[in-house]
Amino acid sequence: MNFAVILSGCGVYDGAEIHEATMTLLAIAKNGGTYMIFAPDVKQHHVVNHITGEEMDESRNVLIESARIARGNIKSLDQYNPGDFDALILPGGFGVAKNLCTYAFDGPDCQVDKVIEKVVKETHAAGKPIGALCISPVLITKILGEIDVTIGQDEATASHIEEMGGVHIATGHGEVVIDTKNRVVTSPCYMLDASIADIADGAENVIKSIINLTKS
């Protein structure tokens, strides 16, 4: 299987969560798949010092930052074509809620980047499976509406998902929710107090579930 993986920067507080991104790529490779990494070519909302948690007085680009994780092998998201891939997957991190949409600031009334919205809708319309880890199910729900997803057990975020038209199902470490009708697979990852081993389990279970969906 050939996966498209969308990143939102580099680093949990202002970009893609690096453990989730890396474990997703590893899970794809371990299960015989291939991948291409994409990110939007847009300005990052802000830059956070990952030691202090404080905002820094500098500007970065989401595509360029994501290229750190991709080791330079990355494409701008506007080059994505769902016909070239068997599935789409989004690791989490605050970059999803800050750079791909405005959920971190506007909650369920958030606005979604037009390119990511187009990509998700076209992938869904083509019947290709979509995987989402951590906070990414919020983004997918905002775009697609009535889908079954999980972000773990956080009541506030779960209520926002319901407000956006989705159905939230509580889960624990490594567990997945599979919406077979919409072909969406989600897992909570660092939305729970997780270890890197938990993240590996969640990522692999999402990838295996997506592979199984393509056989049905």
Protein backbone atom coordinates (compact mmCIF):
# COMPACT_ATOMS: atom_id res chain seq x y z
CA MET A 1 0.00 0.00 0.00
CA ASN A 2 1.08 3.54 -0.71
CA PHE A 3 0.25 6.06 2.02
CA ALA A 4 0.18 9.84 1.91
CA VAL A 5 1.25 11.27 5.29
CA ILE A 6 0.42 14.89 6.11
CA LEU A 7 2.60 16.76 8.60
CA SER A 8 1.97 20.15 10.20
CA GLY A 9 5.48 21.25 11.14
CA CYS A 10 8.08 19.80 13.49
CA GLY A 11 7.50 19.64 17.23
CA VAL A 12 4.52 18.93 19.46
CA TYR A 13 3.77 22.50 20.61
CA ASP A 14 3.77 24.22 17.22
CA GLY A 15 3.94 21.47 14.58
CA ALA A 16 3.64 17.72 14.06
CA GLU A 17 4.22 15.44 17.04
CA ILE A 18 7.53 13.83 16.15
CA HIS A 19 7.00 10.49 17.92
CA GLU A 20 3.59 10.07 16.29
CA ALA A 21 4.96 11.01 12.88
CA THR A 22 7.97 8.71 13.16
CA MET A 23 6.02 5.76 14.56
CA THR A 24 3.48 6.14 11.76
CA LEU A 25 6.20 5.96 9.13
CA LEU A 26 7.75 2.96 10.89
CA ALA A 27 4.37 1.19 11.08
CA ILE A 28 3.83 1.72 7.37
CA ALA A 29 7.25 0.28 6.54
CA LYS A 30 6.88 -2.67 8.96
CA ASN A 31 3.60 -3.62 7.33
CA GLY A 32 4.98 -3.63 3.81
CA GLY A 33 3.77 -0.19 2.76
CA THR A 34 5.37 2.84 1.17
CA TYR A 35 4.72 6.51 1.84
CA MET A 36 5.09 10.04 0.57
CA ILE A 37 5.08 12.93 3.02
CA PHE A 38 3.23 16.18 2.39
CA ALA A 39 2.79 19.48 4.23
CA PRO A 40 1.15 22.78 3.35
CA ASP A 41 3.50 25.50 2.12
CA VAL A 42 2.26 28.11 4.60
CA LYS A 43 3.57 30.24 7.43
CA GLN A 44 3.60 28.50 10.80
CA HIS A 45 1.19 30.14 13.27
CA HIS A 46 4.00 30.72 15.76
CA VAL A 47 7.22 29.16 17.04
CA VAL A 48 7.43 27.68 20.55
CA ASN A 49 10.56 27.03 22.60
CA HIS A 50 10.11 23.36 23.44
CA ILE A 51 12.19 23.71 26.63
CA THR A 52 10.37 26.66 28.19
CA GLY A 53 7.03 26.45 26.39
CA GLU A 54 7.30 30.15 25.57
CA GLU A 55 6.60 31.70 22.18
CA MET A 56 9.69 32.82 20.25
CA ASP A 57 10.12 35.96 18.18
CA GLU A 58 10.72 34.28 14.84
CA SER A 59 8.82 32.96 11.83
CA ARG A 60 8.96 29.51 10.21
CA ASN A 61 7.33 27.69 7.29
CA VAL A 62 5.26 24.52 7.84
CA LEU A 63 6.61 22.73 4.76
CA ILE A 64 10.23 23.53 5.57
CA GLU A 65 9.83 22.49 9.20
CA SER A 66 8.07 19.24 8.22
CA ALA A 67 10.99 18.47 5.91
CA ARG A 68 13.10 17.92 9.04
CA ILE A 69 11.06 14.82 9.85
CA ALA A 70 10.84 13.78 6.19
CA ARG A 71 14.63 14.08 5.79
CA GLY A 72 13.94 16.41 2.87
CA ASN A 73 11.81 13.93 0.92
CA ILE A 74 8.57 15.91 1.02
CA LYS A 75 6.09 17.63 -1.29
CA SER A 76 3.84 20.64 -0.93
CA LEU A 77 0.31 19.56 -0.06
CA ASP A 78 -1.13 21.26 -3.15
CA GLN A 79 0.63 18.55 -5.23
CA TYR A 80 -1.38 15.76 -3.58
CA ASN A 81 -3.57 13.62 -5.83
CA PRO A 82 -5.76 11.00 -4.11
CA GLY A 83 -5.51 8.79 -7.19
CA ASP A 84 -1.80 8.27 -6.47
CA PHE A 85 -2.35 6.78 -3.00
CA ASP A 86 -4.27 4.03 -1.25
CA ALA A 87 -4.79 5.91 2.01
CA LEU A 88 -4.18 9.20 3.81
CA ILE A 89 -2.94 9.57 7.38
CA LEU A 90 -2.42 12.53 9.72
CA PRO A 91 -0.26 12.31 12.85
CA GLY A 92 -1.15 14.79 15.60
CA GLY A 93 0.59 17.61 17.41
CA PHE A 94 -0.54 21.17 18.07
CA GLY A 95 0.40 22.05 14.48
CA VAL A 96 -2.79 20.30 13.38
CA ALA A 97 -4.81 22.64 15.60
CA LYS A 98 -2.73 25.75 14.84
CA ASN A 99 -1.42 25.41 11.27
CA LEU A 100 -3.96 23.14 9.52
CA CYS A 101 -6.94 24.73 11.27
CA THR A 102 -7.63 27.19 14.09
CA TYR A 103 -9.09 24.73 16.60
CA ALA A 104 -6.49 25.65 19.26
CA PHE A 105 -7.87 29.19 19.29
CA ASP A 106 -11.48 28.95 18.10
CA GLY A 107 -12.61 25.51 19.29
CA PRO A 108 -15.51 23.99 17.33
CA ASP A 109 -15.96 27.27 15.41
CA CYS A 110 -12.49 26.83 13.88
CA GLN A 111 -11.57 27.56 10.28
CA VAL A 112 -9.77 24.93 8.19
CA ASP A 113 -6.95 25.60 5.74
CA LYS A 114 -8.51 25.39 2.26
CA VAL A 115 -5.88 23.04 0.87
CA ILE A 116 -6.19 20.49 3.68
CA GLU A 117 -9.99 20.69 3.43
CA LYS A 118 -9.83 19.95 -0.30
CA VAL A 119 -7.42 17.07 0.22
CA VAL A 120 -9.55 15.39 2.90
CA LYS A 121 -12.79 15.83 0.99
CA GLU A 122 -11.33 14.48 -2.26
CA THR A 123 -9.78 11.50 -0.48
CA HIS A 124 -13.07 10.72 1.27
CA ALA A 125 -15.03 11.09 -1.98
CA ALA A 126 -12.64 8.66 -3.67
CA GLY A 127 -13.39 6.07 -0.98
CA LYS A 128 -9.80 6.00 0.26
CA PRO A 129 -9.26 5.30 3.99
CA ILE A 130 -8.18 8.18 6.24
CA GLY A 131 -6.23 7.68 9.46
CA ALA A 132 -5.93 10.32 12.18
CA LEU A 133 -3.91 10.25 15.40
CA CYS A 134 -4.11 12.34 18.58
CA ILE A 135 -5.87 15.70 17.91
CA SER A 136 -6.19 15.10 14.14
CA PRO A 137 -9.65 13.46 14.47
CA VAL A 138 -10.96 16.92 15.43
CA LEU A 139 -9.78 18.29 12.08
CA ILE A 140 -11.29 15.35 10.18
CA THR A 141 -14.59 15.79 12.01
CA LYS A 142 -14.68 19.50 11.24
CA ILE A 143 -14.28 18.69 7.55
CA LEU A 144 -16.46 15.57 7.20
CA GLY A 145 -19.01 16.06 9.98
CA GLU A 146 -20.93 12.92 10.89
CA ILE A 147 -18.18 10.37 11.57
CA ASP A 148 -17.18 8.10 14.47
CA VAL A 149 -13.82 9.05 15.98
CA THR A 150 -11.78 8.99 19.17
CA ILE A 151 -9.38 11.37 20.88
CA GLY A 152 -9.22 9.16 23.98
CA GLN A 153 -11.05 10.38 27.06
CA ASP A 154 -10.79 14.18 27.18
CA GLU A 155 -14.35 15.33 27.87
CA ALA A 156 -13.97 18.90 26.57
CA THR A 157 -12.52 17.84 23.22
CA ALA A 158 -15.04 15.01 22.93
CA SER A 159 -17.88 17.49 23.44
CA HIS A 160 -16.44 19.70 20.69
CA ILE A 161 -16.40 16.70 18.34
CA GLU A 162 -20.06 16.08 19.11
CA GLU A 163 -20.80 19.78 18.53
CA MET A 164 -19.19 19.53 15.11
CA GLY A 165 -21.48 16.64 14.18
CA GLY A 166 -19.22 13.70 15.01
CA VAL A 167 -19.66 10.81 17.39
CA HIS A 168 -16.92 10.39 19.99
CA ILE A 169 -16.03 6.96 21.37
CA ALA A 170 -13.80 6.81 24.46
CA THR A 171 -10.67 4.67 24.09
CA GLY A 172 -7.46 3.75 25.90
CA HIS A 173 -3.84 3.27 24.90
CA GLY A 174 -3.33 1.74 21.47
CA GLU A 175 -7.03 1.36 20.78
CA VAL A 176 -8.63 2.45 17.52
CA VAL A 177 -12.09 3.45 16.39
CA ILE A 178 -12.98 2.30 12.88
CA ASP A 179 -15.78 4.06 11.03
CA THR A 180 -16.30 1.48 8.29
CA LYS A 181 -18.92 3.53 6.46
CA ASN A 182 -16.70 6.60 6.11
CA ARG A 183 -13.45 4.57 6.11
CA VAL A 184 -11.92 6.66 8.89
CA VAL A 185 -9.58 5.15 11.53
CA THR A 186 -8.56 7.09 14.65
CA SER A 187 -6.46 6.52 17.78
CA PRO A 188 -5.78 8.82 20.78
CA CYS A 189 -1.96 8.56 21.09
CA TYR A 190 -0.68 11.58 23.09
CA MET A 191 -4.19 12.83 23.82
CA LEU A 192 -3.71 10.32 26.65
CA ASP A 193 -0.79 10.30 29.09
CA ALA A 194 1.09 7.91 26.83
CA SER A 195 4.56 6.42 26.50
CA ILE A 196 6.41 6.16 23.22
CA ALA A 197 5.61 2.43 23.27
CA ASP A 198 1.90 3.32 23.48
CA ILE A 199 2.35 5.62 20.48
CA ALA A 200 3.97 2.82 18.51
CA ASP A 201 1.05 0.52 19.34
CA GLY A 202 -1.52 3.13 18.33
CA ALA A 203 0.21 3.97 15.06
CA GLU A 204 0.63 0.31 14.09
CA ASN A 205 -2.99 -0.50 14.95
CA VAL A 206 -4.18 2.40 12.78
CA ILE A 207 -2.05 1.26 9.85
CA LYS A 208 -3.16 -2.38 10.18
CA SER A 209 -6.79 -1.29 10.40
CA ILE A 210 -6.43 0.83 7.27
CA ILE A 211 -4.83 -2.08 5.40
CA ASN A 212 -7.75 -4.27 6.43
CA LEU A 213 -10.23 -1.64 5.25
CA THR A 214 -8.72 -1.65 1.78
CA LYS A 215 -9.37 -5.40 1.58
CA SER A 216 -13.09 -4.97 2.29
